[in-house]
Amino acid sequence: MSRVRKAVIPAAGLGTRFLPATKSSPKEMLPVVDKPSIQYVVEEAVRAGITDILVITGRSKRAVEDHFDRNFELEYYLEQAGKHDLLKEVQASSELADIHYVRQRDPLGLGHAVSVARSHVGNEPFAVLLADDLMVDDAALLRAMLDVHERYGRSVVAVQEVGPDEISSYGCVEPDAMHEELVEIRRIVEKPKPEEAPSNLAVIGRYVFTPEIFDALDRIVPGRGGELQLTDAIALLLEEQTVYGQRFRFGRYDIGQKVDFLRANVELALDRPDIGPEVEEWLRELIRRRGLV
């Protein structure tokens, strides 16, 4: 059974929910505290043992490539200025992994974005990490999914319980059997109406796929929104082999949503020993001044 060696990060979206900030800057480069959001995702893959990473980009995404490249002028300046801690941080981002790039020329949906990775992935299993889903869990979820794949040789998707008012924003699975945190999936549907949802288990942006997903992607037709939906390809894959769902409960920030993006910044800042105490003091004063307690 092949070990998962490669990860794919789709990062070709237009980031319309964060306009005007994303008019000329990729949404994946928006900072969470002081680090671009996509770097957190790359670091998660590396912590799980994956260092061959393909980023699916689009027009106006050159800043993503530049971030993970060397910047000799900046490094020289930091060296001369004696700012050695900052120098290490800057160099670390270019040494994280073996990162490759390919463009999704047309915005045809997540399914199409994943299909673009076929030449790089080849006939191997691979992981897919969506950049909008920030997991702060020391890669525990991704490692668990990789373990399931190694045990059963099948695809795995991350699933999380959500409220009825949220399920229409996600792919949704109907569980066939459950073994603690592991779910055997009977059916998967894209963004169902609350009254039609087969469960409250939403598909979240972490996947481990067998290479057969590419054949399924070749067979799908445009679905919701006229896009090629990854959910539809998973549904086809289910007709041929078991697909598992790995349940999780904590650690996720949907930074594609403004409120969750702000929550990630505040909560991660509070966890930082260098700035956490000052941020906490500011929050306490802000709450006091606004009379919220």
C-alpha atoms as a PDB file:
ATOM      1  CA  MET A   1       0.000   0.000   0.000  1.00  0.00           C
ATOM      2  CA  SER A   2       1.423   3.371  -1.048  1.00  0.00           C
ATOM      3  CA  ARG A   3       2.209   5.910   1.636  1.00  0.00           C
ATOM      4  CA  VAL A   4       0.861   9.427   1.072  1.00  0.00           C
ATOM      5  CA  ARG A   5       3.833  11.547   0.024  1.00  0.00           C
ATOM      6  CA  LYS A   6       2.156  14.490  -1.690  1.00  0.00           C
ATOM      7  CA  ALA A   7      -0.315  17.202  -0.736  1.00  0.00           C
ATOM      8  CA  VAL A   8      -2.347  19.527  -2.941  1.00  0.00           C
ATOM      9  CA  ILE A   9      -3.442  22.975  -1.769  1.00  0.00           C
ATOM     10  CA  PRO A  10      -6.032  24.650  -4.047  1.00  0.00           C
ATOM     11  CA  ALA A  11      -5.383  28.393  -3.878  1.00  0.00           C
ATOM     12  CA  ALA A  12      -6.864  29.767  -7.082  1.00  0.00           C
ATOM     13  CA  GLY A  13     -10.017  31.352  -5.643  1.00  0.00           C
ATOM     14  CA  LEU A  14     -10.762  35.025  -6.137  1.00  0.00           C
ATOM     15  CA  GLY A  15     -11.392  35.782  -2.459  1.00  0.00           C
ATOM     16  CA  THR A  16     -14.493  37.856  -3.180  1.00  0.00           C
ATOM     17  CA  ARG A  17     -15.667  37.706   0.451  1.00  0.00           C
ATOM     18  CA  PHE A  18     -12.644  39.793   1.453  1.00  0.00           C
ATOM     19  CA  LEU A  19     -12.846  42.491  -1.189  1.00  0.00           C
ATOM     20  CA  PRO A  20     -11.430  45.092  -1.478  1.00  0.00           C
ATOM     21  CA  ALA A  21      -8.448  43.633   0.430  1.00  0.00           C
ATOM     22  CA  THR A  22      -8.125  40.807  -2.111  1.00  0.00           C
ATOM     23  CA  LYS A  23      -8.423  42.975  -5.209  1.00  0.00           C
ATOM     24  CA  SER A  24      -4.664  42.804  -5.794  1.00  0.00           C
ATOM     25  CA  SER A  25      -3.458  40.565  -2.950  1.00  0.00           C
ATOM     26  CA  PRO A  26      -4.239  36.820  -2.736  1.00  0.00           C
ATOM     27  CA  LYS A  27      -6.570  35.924   0.115  1.00  0.00           C
ATOM     28  CA  GLU A  28      -4.109  33.171   1.058  1.00  0.00           C
ATOM     29  CA  MET A  29      -1.588  35.900   1.908  1.00  0.00           C
ATOM     30  CA  LEU A  30      -3.858  37.644   4.414  1.00  0.00           C
ATOM     31  CA  PRO A  31      -1.978  37.437   7.727  1.00  0.00           C
ATOM     32  CA  VAL A  32      -3.206  35.537  10.741  1.00  0.00           C
ATOM     33  CA  VAL A  33      -1.312  37.486  13.412  1.00  0.00           C
ATOM     34  CA  ASP A  34       1.984  37.824  11.514  1.00  0.00           C
ATOM     35  CA  LYS A  35       2.014  34.845   9.145  1.00  0.00           C
ATOM     36  CA  PRO A  36       0.136  34.328   5.851  1.00  0.00           C
ATOM     37  CA  SER A  37      -2.735  31.907   6.243  1.00  0.00           C
ATOM     38  CA  ILE A  38      -1.376  29.562   3.575  1.00  0.00           C
ATOM     39  CA  GLN A  39       1.837  29.091   5.551  1.00  0.00           C
ATOM     40  CA  TYR A  40      -0.153  27.565   8.398  1.00  0.00           C
ATOM     41  CA  VAL A  41      -1.573  25.026   5.940  1.00  0.00           C
ATOM     42  CA  VAL A  42       1.844  24.170   4.512  1.00  0.00           C
ATOM     43  CA  GLU A  43       3.214  23.764   8.039  1.00  0.00           C
ATOM     44  CA  GLU A  44       0.334  21.415   8.875  1.00  0.00           C
ATOM     45  CA  ALA A  45       1.219  19.160   5.931  1.00  0.00           C
ATOM     46  CA  VAL A  46       4.874  19.167   6.962  1.00  0.00           C
ATOM     47  CA  ARG A  47       3.999  18.247  10.567  1.00  0.00           C
ATOM     48  CA  ALA A  48       2.052  15.287   9.205  1.00  0.00           C
ATOM     49  CA  GLY A  49       5.138  14.142   7.301  1.00  0.00           C
ATOM     50  CA  ILE A  50       4.294  15.458   3.814  1.00  0.00           C
ATOM     51  CA  THR A  51       6.946  17.669   2.224  1.00  0.00           C
ATOM     52  CA  ASP A  52       6.042  17.417  -1.491  1.00  0.00           C
ATOM     53  CA  ILE A  53       3.358  20.065  -1.922  1.00  0.00           C
ATOM     54  CA  LEU A  54       1.579  21.305  -5.037  1.00  0.00           C
ATOM     55  CA  VAL A  55      -0.189  24.660  -4.812  1.00  0.00           C
ATOM     56  CA  ILE A  56      -2.932  25.248  -7.396  1.00  0.00           C
ATOM     57  CA  THR A  57      -2.766  28.946  -8.193  1.00  0.00           C
ATOM     58  CA  GLY A  58      -4.424  31.383 -10.558  1.00  0.00           C
ATOM     59  CA  ARG A  59      -3.914  34.856 -11.915  1.00  0.00           C
ATOM     60  CA  SER A  60      -2.726  37.461  -9.397  1.00  0.00           C
ATOM     61  CA  LYS A  61      -1.303  34.777  -7.092  1.00  0.00           C
ATOM     62  CA  ARG A  62       2.386  35.440  -7.689  1.00  0.00           C
ATOM     63  CA  ALA A  63       2.780  36.682  -4.099  1.00  0.00           C
ATOM     64  CA  VAL A  64       2.165  33.121  -2.864  1.00  0.00           C
ATOM     65  CA  GLU A  65       5.142  31.860  -4.870  1.00  0.00           C
ATOM     66  CA  ASP A  66       7.293  34.776  -3.768  1.00  0.00           C
ATOM     67  CA  HIS A  67       6.522  34.120  -0.116  1.00  0.00           C
ATOM     68  CA  PHE A  68       7.942  30.592  -0.220  1.00  0.00           C
ATOM     69  CA  ASP A  69      10.954  31.666  -2.298  1.00  0.00           C
ATOM     70  CA  ARG A  70      14.211  33.178  -1.077  1.00  0.00           C
ATOM     71  CA  ASN A  71      14.476  36.958  -0.703  1.00  0.00           C
ATOM     72  CA  PHE A  72      18.200  37.616  -0.735  1.00  0.00           C
ATOM     73  CA  GLU A  73      17.919  41.393  -0.378  1.00  0.00           C
ATOM     74  CA  LEU A  74      15.729  41.105   2.719  1.00  0.00           C
ATOM     75  CA  GLU A  75      17.917  38.384   4.198  1.00  0.00           C
ATOM     76  CA  TYR A  76      21.034  40.496   3.630  1.00  0.00           C
ATOM     77  CA  TYR A  77      19.413  43.495   5.313  1.00  0.00           C
ATOM     78  CA  LEU A  78      18.330  41.450   8.346  1.00  0.00           C
ATOM     79  CA  GLU A  79      21.789  39.900   8.619  1.00  0.00           C
ATOM     80  CA  GLN A  80      23.502  43.292   8.506  1.00  0.00           C
ATOM     81  CA  ALA A  81      21.024  44.749  10.996  1.00  0.00           C
ATOM     82  CA  GLY A  82      21.681  41.928  13.444  1.00  0.00           C
ATOM     83  CA  LYS A  83      18.018  40.851  13.377  1.00  0.00           C
ATOM     84  CA  HIS A  84      18.874  37.175  13.494  1.00  0.00           C
ATOM     85  CA  ASP A  85      15.544  35.931  14.893  1.00  0.00           C
ATOM     86  CA  LEU A  86      13.635  37.575  12.043  1.00  0.00           C
ATOM     87  CA  LEU A  87      16.191  36.234   9.574  1.00  0.00           C
ATOM     88  CA  LYS A  88      15.538  32.684  10.766  1.00  0.00           C
ATOM     89  CA  GLU A  89      11.785  33.149  10.378  1.00  0.00           C
ATOM     90  CA  VAL A  90      12.154  34.529   6.847  1.00  0.00           C
ATOM     91  CA  GLN A  91      14.475  31.722   5.799  1.00  0.00           C
ATOM     92  CA  ALA A  92      12.269  29.069   7.402  1.00  0.00           C
ATOM     93  CA  SER A  93       9.347  29.848   5.083  1.00  0.00           C
ATOM     94  CA  SER A  94      11.495  29.058   2.033  1.00  0.00           C
ATOM     95  CA  GLU A  95      12.822  25.837   3.543  1.00  0.00           C
ATOM     96  CA  LEU A  96       9.573  24.290   4.775  1.00  0.00           C
ATOM     97  CA  ALA A  97       8.964  21.873   1.930  1.00  0.00           C
ATOM     98  CA  ASP A  98       9.475  21.103  -1.744  1.00  0.00           C
ATOM     99  CA  ILE A  99       6.714  23.350  -3.105  1.00  0.00           C
ATOM    100  CA  HIS A 100       5.496  23.259  -6.712  1.00  0.00           C
ATOM    101  CA  TYR A 101       2.960  25.410  -8.518  1.00  0.00           C
ATOM    102  CA  VAL A 102       0.493  24.948 -11.359  1.00  0.00           C
ATOM    103  CA  ARG A 103      -2.222  27.303 -12.534  1.00  0.00           C
ATOM    104  CA  GLN A 104      -5.914  26.614 -12.765  1.00  0.00           C
ATOM    105  CA  ARG A 105      -6.513  28.678 -15.871  1.00  0.00           C
ATOM    106  CA  ASP A 106     -10.304  28.858 -15.547  1.00  0.00           C
ATOM    107  CA  PRO A 107     -12.287  29.125 -12.276  1.00  0.00           C
ATOM    108  CA  LEU A 108     -14.333  25.974 -12.841  1.00  0.00           C
ATOM    109  CA  GLY A 109     -14.672  24.850  -9.243  1.00  0.00           C
ATOM    110  CA  LEU A 110     -12.882  22.811  -6.594  1.00  0.00           C
ATOM    111  CA  GLY A 111     -13.272  19.567  -8.512  1.00  0.00           C
ATOM    112  CA  HIS A 112     -11.529  21.064 -11.504  1.00  0.00           C
ATOM    113  CA  ALA A 113      -8.780  22.536  -9.298  1.00  0.00           C
ATOM    114  CA  VAL A 114      -8.004  19.100  -7.845  1.00  0.00           C
ATOM    115  CA  SER A 115      -8.021  17.517 -11.309  1.00  0.00           C
ATOM    116  CA  VAL A 116      -5.260  19.931 -12.364  1.00  0.00           C
ATOM    117  CA  ALA A 117      -2.956  18.086  -9.931  1.00  0.00           C
ATOM    118  CA  ARG A 118      -3.132  14.805 -11.840  1.00  0.00           C
ATOM    119  CA  SER A 119       0.172  15.140 -13.696  1.00  0.00           C
ATOM    120  CA  HIS A 120       2.039  15.960 -10.486  1.00  0.00           C
ATOM    121  CA  VAL A 121       0.389  13.338  -8.298  1.00  0.00           C
ATOM    122  CA  GLY A 122       0.421  10.481 -10.805  1.00  0.00           C
ATOM    123  CA  ASN A 123      -0.903   7.105  -9.673  1.00  0.00           C
ATOM    124  CA  GLU A 124      -0.395   7.778  -5.959  1.00  0.00           C
ATOM    125  CA  PRO A 125      -2.650   8.579  -3.020  1.00  0.00           C
ATOM    126  CA  PHE A 126      -2.492  12.219  -1.966  1.00  0.00           C
ATOM    127  CA  ALA A 127      -3.869  14.712   0.515  1.00  0.00           C
ATOM    128  CA  VAL A 128      -5.884  17.835  -0.279  1.00  0.00           C
ATOM    129  CA  LEU A 129      -5.858  20.752   2.171  1.00  0.00           C
ATOM    130  CA  LEU A 130      -8.130  23.726   1.566  1.00  0.00           C
ATOM    131  CA  ALA A 131      -6.456  26.990   2.487  1.00  0.00           C
ATOM    132  CA  ASP A 132      -9.670  28.522   3.884  1.00  0.00           C
ATOM    133  CA  ASP A 133      -9.765  25.895   6.629  1.00  0.00           C
ATOM    134  CA  LEU A 134      -7.110  26.664   9.198  1.00  0.00           C
ATOM    135  CA  MET A 135      -6.480  23.729  11.550  1.00  0.00           C
ATOM    136  CA  VAL A 136      -4.695  24.570  14.784  1.00  0.00           C
ATOM    137  CA  ASP A 137      -4.265  21.056  16.159  1.00  0.00           C
ATOM    138  CA  ASP A 138      -0.602  20.178  15.556  1.00  0.00           C
ATOM    139  CA  ALA A 139      -1.758  18.255  12.431  1.00  0.00           C
ATOM    140  CA  ALA A 140      -3.649  15.726  14.598  1.00  0.00           C
ATOM    141  CA  LEU A 141      -6.614  15.506  12.194  1.00  0.00           C
ATOM    142  CA  LEU A 142      -4.477  15.086   9.089  1.00  0.00           C
ATOM    143  CA  ARG A 143      -2.280  12.472  10.769  1.00  0.00           C
ATOM    144  CA  ALA A 144      -5.384  10.538  11.827  1.00  0.00           C
ATOM    145  CA  MET A 145      -6.671  10.598   8.245  1.00  0.00           C
ATOM    146  CA  LEU A 146      -3.328   9.375   6.920  1.00  0.00           C
ATOM    147  CA  ASP A 147      -3.402   6.547   9.466  1.00  0.00           C
ATOM    148  CA  VAL A 148      -6.877   5.508   8.273  1.00  0.00           C
ATOM    149  CA  HIS A 149      -5.689   5.470   4.672  1.00  0.00           C
ATOM    150  CA  GLU A 150      -2.646   3.376   5.547  1.00  0.00           C
ATOM    151  CA  ARG A 151      -4.857   0.940   7.461  1.00  0.00           C
ATOM    152  CA  TYR A 152      -7.599   0.499   4.849  1.00  0.00           C
ATOM    153  CA  GLY A 153      -6.131   1.812   1.581  1.00  0.00           C
ATOM    154  CA  ARG A 154      -9.170   3.990   0.936  1.00  0.00           C
ATOM    155  CA  SER A 155     -10.057   7.670   0.658  1.00  0.00           C
ATOM    156  CA  VAL A 156     -10.845   9.675   3.784  1.00  0.00           C
ATOM    157  CA  VAL A 157     -12.642  13.004   4.226  1.00  0.00           C
ATOM    158  CA  ALA A 158     -12.788  15.142   7.359  1.00  0.00           C
ATOM    159  CA  VAL A 159     -16.287  15.587   8.812  1.00  0.00           C
ATOM    160  CA  GLN A 160     -17.570  17.773  11.613  1.00  0.00           C
ATOM    161  CA  GLU A 161     -20.980  18.139  13.236  1.00  0.00           C
ATOM    162  CA  VAL A 162     -22.644  21.454  12.361  1.00  0.00           C
ATOM    163  CA  GLY A 163     -25.992  23.048  13.101  1.00  0.00           C
ATOM    164  CA  PRO A 164     -29.019  22.774  10.779  1.00  0.00           C
ATOM    165  CA  ASP A 165     -28.558  26.406   9.749  1.00  0.00           C
ATOM    166  CA  GLU A 166     -25.008  25.690   8.558  1.00  0.00           C
ATOM    167  CA  ILE A 167     -25.318  22.390   6.673  1.00  0.00           C
ATOM    168  CA  SER A 168     -26.426  24.020   3.414  1.00  0.00           C
ATOM    169  CA  SER A 169     -22.965  25.599   3.128  1.00  0.00           C
ATOM    170  CA  TYR A 170     -21.162  22.232   3.006  1.00  0.00           C
ATOM    171  CA  GLY A 171     -21.028  18.825   1.484  1.00  0.00           C
ATOM    172  CA  CYS A 172     -22.920  16.474   3.783  1.00  0.00           C
ATOM    173  CA  VAL A 173     -22.432  12.740   4.380  1.00  0.00           C
ATOM    174  CA  GLU A 174     -24.880  10.006   5.304  1.00  0.00           C
ATOM    175  CA  PRO A 175     -23.038   7.612   7.611  1.00  0.00           C
ATOM    176  CA  ASP A 176     -23.430   3.885   7.035  1.00  0.00           C
ATOM    177  CA  ALA A 177     -21.532   2.744  10.117  1.00  0.00           C
ATOM    178  CA  MET A 178     -19.585   4.502  12.833  1.00  0.00           C
ATOM    179  CA  HIS A 179     -16.576   3.277  14.785  1.00  0.00           C
ATOM    180  CA  GLU A 180     -15.858   5.928  17.411  1.00  0.00           C
ATOM    181  CA  GLU A 181     -14.426   8.834  15.355  1.00  0.00           C
ATOM    182  CA  LEU A 182     -14.400   6.915  12.057  1.00  0.00           C
ATOM    183  CA  VAL A 183     -17.440   6.878   9.769  1.00  0.00           C
ATOM    184  CA  GLU A 184     -18.132   4.636   6.796  1.00  0.00           C
ATOM    185  CA  ILE A 185     -19.920   6.860   4.277  1.00  0.00           C
ATOM    186  CA  ARG A 186     -23.025   5.625   2.474  1.00  0.00           C
ATOM    187  CA  ARG A 187     -23.830   8.803   0.553  1.00  0.00           C
ATOM    188  CA  ILE A 188     -22.567  12.344   0.068  1.00  0.00           C
ATOM    189  CA  VAL A 189     -24.474  15.377  -1.221  1.00  0.00           C
ATOM    190  CA  GLU A 190     -23.433  18.944  -1.980  1.00  0.00           C
ATOM    191  CA  LYS A 191     -24.968  21.769   0.068  1.00  0.00           C
ATOM    192  CA  PRO A 192     -28.348  20.211   0.875  1.00  0.00           C
ATOM    193  CA  LYS A 193     -31.278  22.154   2.228  1.00  0.00           C
ATOM    194  CA  PRO A 194     -31.518  21.656   6.005  1.00  0.00           C
ATOM    195  CA  GLU A 195     -34.703  19.606   5.684  1.00  0.00           C
ATOM    196  CA  GLU A 196     -33.055  17.356   3.065  1.00  0.00           C
ATOM    197  CA  ALA A 197     -29.683  16.847   4.753  1.00  0.00           C
ATOM    198  CA  PRO A 198     -28.967  13.148   5.440  1.00  0.00           C
ATOM    199  CA  SER A 199     -27.117  14.024   8.681  1.00  0.00           C
ATOM    200  CA  ASN A 200     -25.429  16.874  10.521  1.00  0.00           C
ATOM    201  CA  LEU A 201     -21.947  15.754   9.413  1.00  0.00           C
ATOM    202  CA  ALA A 202     -20.395  18.370   7.147  1.00  0.00           C
ATOM    203  CA  VAL A 203     -17.362  17.743   4.954  1.00  0.00           C
ATOM    204  CA  ILE A 204     -14.520  20.068   5.966  1.00  0.00           C
ATOM    205  CA  GLY A 205     -11.478  20.974   3.861  1.00  0.00           C
ATOM    206  CA  ARG A 206      -9.173  18.015   4.527  1.00  0.00           C
ATOM    207  CA  TYR A 207      -9.109  14.975   2.253  1.00  0.00           C
ATOM    208  CA  VAL A 208      -6.924  11.956   1.571  1.00  0.00           C
ATOM    209  CA  PHE A 209      -7.664  10.442  -1.835  1.00  0.00           C
ATOM    210  CA  THR A 210      -6.797   7.293  -3.681  1.00  0.00           C
ATOM    211  CA  PRO A 211      -5.728   8.062  -7.287  1.00  0.00           C
ATOM    212  CA  GLU A 212      -9.082   6.755  -8.562  1.00  0.00           C
ATOM    213  CA  ILE A 213     -10.547  10.143  -7.654  1.00  0.00           C
ATOM    214  CA  PHE A 214      -9.058  11.494 -10.887  1.00  0.00           C
ATOM    215  CA  ASP A 215     -11.126   9.079 -12.998  1.00  0.00           C
ATOM    216  CA  ALA A 216     -14.201  10.182 -11.067  1.00  0.00           C
ATOM    217  CA  LEU A 217     -13.309  13.828 -11.671  1.00  0.00           C
ATOM    218  CA  ASP A 218     -13.124  13.104 -15.406  1.00  0.00           C
ATOM    219  CA  ARG A 219     -16.723  11.866 -15.325  1.00  0.00           C
ATOM    220  CA  ILE A 220     -18.486  14.640 -13.413  1.00  0.00           C
ATOM    221  CA  VAL A 221     -20.501  17.396 -15.071  1.00  0.00           C
ATOM    222  CA  PRO A 222     -21.044  20.947 -13.813  1.00  0.00           C
ATOM    223  CA  GLY A 223     -23.205  20.930 -10.692  1.00  0.00           C
ATOM    224  CA  ARG A 224     -24.213  23.655  -8.245  1.00  0.00           C
ATOM    225  CA  GLY A 225     -23.190  27.093  -9.465  1.00  0.00           C
ATOM    226  CA  GLY A 226     -22.136  25.655 -12.824  1.00  0.00           C
ATOM    227  CA  GLU A 227     -18.897  24.389 -11.267  1.00  0.00           C
ATOM    228  CA  LEU A 228     -17.259  20.977 -11.191  1.00  0.00           C
ATOM    229  CA  GLN A 229     -17.901  19.875  -7.631  1.00  0.00           C
ATOM    230  CA  LEU A 230     -15.430  17.688  -5.757  1.00  0.00           C
ATOM    231  CA  THR A 231     -18.398  16.307  -3.789  1.00  0.00           C
ATOM    232  CA  ASP A 232     -19.885  14.876  -7.000  1.00  0.00           C
ATOM    233  CA  ALA A 233     -16.616  13.066  -7.755  1.00  0.00           C
ATOM    234  CA  ILE A 234     -16.554  11.597  -4.237  1.00  0.00           C
ATOM    235  CA  ALA A 235     -20.120  10.363  -4.811  1.00  0.00           C
ATOM    236  CA  LEU A 236     -18.944   8.536  -7.941  1.00  0.00           C
ATOM    237  CA  LEU A 237     -15.949   7.124  -6.086  1.00  0.00           C
ATOM    238  CA  LEU A 238     -18.351   5.737  -3.459  1.00  0.00           C
ATOM    239  CA  GLU A 239     -19.927   3.576  -6.157  1.00  0.00           C
ATOM    240  CA  GLU A 240     -16.615   1.761  -6.589  1.00  0.00           C
ATOM    241  CA  GLN A 241     -14.920   1.730  -3.179  1.00  0.00           C
ATOM    242  CA  THR A 242     -15.442   2.585   0.467  1.00  0.00           C
ATOM    243  CA  VAL A 243     -14.818   6.172   1.534  1.00  0.00           C
ATOM    244  CA  TYR A 244     -14.343   6.984   5.208  1.00  0.00           C
ATOM    245  CA  GLY A 245     -15.101  10.085   7.229  1.00  0.00           C
ATOM    246  CA  GLN A 246     -12.758  11.114  10.038  1.00  0.00           C
ATOM    247  CA  ARG A 247     -14.705  13.029  12.675  1.00  0.00           C
ATOM    248  CA  PHE A 248     -13.179  15.883  14.627  1.00  0.00           C
ATOM    249  CA  ARG A 249     -14.490  18.522  16.993  1.00  0.00           C
ATOM    250  CA  PHE A 250     -11.904  21.197  17.668  1.00  0.00           C
ATOM    251  CA  GLY A 251      -9.137  23.259  16.112  1.00  0.00           C
ATOM    252  CA  ARG A 252     -10.769  24.609  12.960  1.00  0.00           C
ATOM    253  CA  TYR A 253     -11.126  28.203  11.837  1.00  0.00           C
ATOM    254  CA  ASP A 254     -13.026  28.922   8.625  1.00  0.00           C
ATOM    255  CA  ILE A 255     -10.917  31.915   7.683  1.00  0.00           C
ATOM    256  CA  GLY A 256     -12.883  32.339   4.466  1.00  0.00           C
ATOM    257  CA  GLN A 257     -15.489  33.907   6.764  1.00  0.00           C
ATOM    258  CA  LYS A 258     -14.718  37.358   8.173  1.00  0.00           C
ATOM    259  CA  VAL A 259     -15.795  36.610  11.745  1.00  0.00           C
ATOM    260  CA  ASP A 260     -13.785  33.382  11.932  1.00  0.00           C
ATOM    261  CA  PHE A 261     -10.812  35.139  10.371  1.00  0.00           C
ATOM    262  CA  LEU A 262     -10.928  37.746  13.122  1.00  0.00           C
ATOM    263  CA  ARG A 263     -11.457  35.061  15.767  1.00  0.00           C
ATOM    264  CA  ALA A 264      -8.366  33.190  14.523  1.00  0.00           C
ATOM    265  CA  ASN A 265      -6.279  36.340  14.776  1.00  0.00           C
ATOM    266  CA  VAL A 266      -7.417  37.107  18.317  1.00  0.00           C
ATOM    267  CA  GLU A 267      -7.233  33.570  19.696  1.00  0.00           C
ATOM    268  CA  LEU A 268      -3.877  32.743  18.124  1.00  0.00           C
ATOM    269  CA  ALA A 269      -2.492  36.070  19.321  1.00  0.00           C
ATOM    270  CA  LEU A 270      -3.619  35.219  22.858  1.00  0.00           C
ATOM    271  CA  ASP A 271      -1.670  31.948  22.619  1.00  0.00           C
ATOM    272  CA  ARG A 272       1.554  33.755  21.747  1.00  0.00           C
ATOM    273  CA  PRO A 273       3.864  34.294  24.742  1.00  0.00           C
ATOM    274  CA  ASP A 274       5.398  37.378  23.146  1.00  0.00           C
ATOM    275  CA  ILE A 275       2.146  39.295  22.579  1.00  0.00           C
ATOM    276  CA  GLY A 276      -0.548  37.266  24.359  1.00  0.00           C
ATOM    277  CA  PRO A 277      -0.471  39.102  27.709  1.00  0.00           C
ATOM    278  CA  GLU A 278      -0.700  42.502  26.021  1.00  0.00           C
ATOM    279  CA  VAL A 279      -3.564  41.383  23.766  1.00  0.00           C
ATOM    280  CA  GLU A 280      -5.417  39.936  26.767  1.00  0.00           C
ATOM    281  CA  GLU A 281      -5.029  43.196  28.676  1.00  0.00           C
ATOM    282  CA  TRP A 282      -6.355  45.142  25.698  1.00  0.00           C
ATOM    283  CA  LEU A 283      -9.355  42.807  25.356  1.00  0.00           C
ATOM    284  CA  ARG A 284     -10.218  43.129  29.034  1.00  0.00           C
ATOM    285  CA  GLU A 285     -10.065  46.925  28.783  1.00  0.00           C
ATOM    286  CA  LEU A 286     -12.128  46.919  25.573  1.00  0.00           C
ATOM    287  CA  ILE A 287     -14.813  44.768  27.172  1.00  0.00           C
ATOM    288  CA  ARG A 288     -14.867  46.976  30.269  1.00  0.00           C
ATOM    289  CA  ARG A 289     -15.183  50.183  28.237  1.00  0.00           C
ATOM    290  CA  ARG A 290     -18.021  48.789  26.166  1.00  0.00           C
ATOM    291  CA  GLY A 291     -19.855  47.541  29.216  1.00  0.00           C
ATOM    292  CA  LEU A 292     -20.009  43.968  27.974  1.00  0.00           C
ATOM    293  CA  VAL A 293     -19.594  42.442  31.433  1.00  0.00           C
END
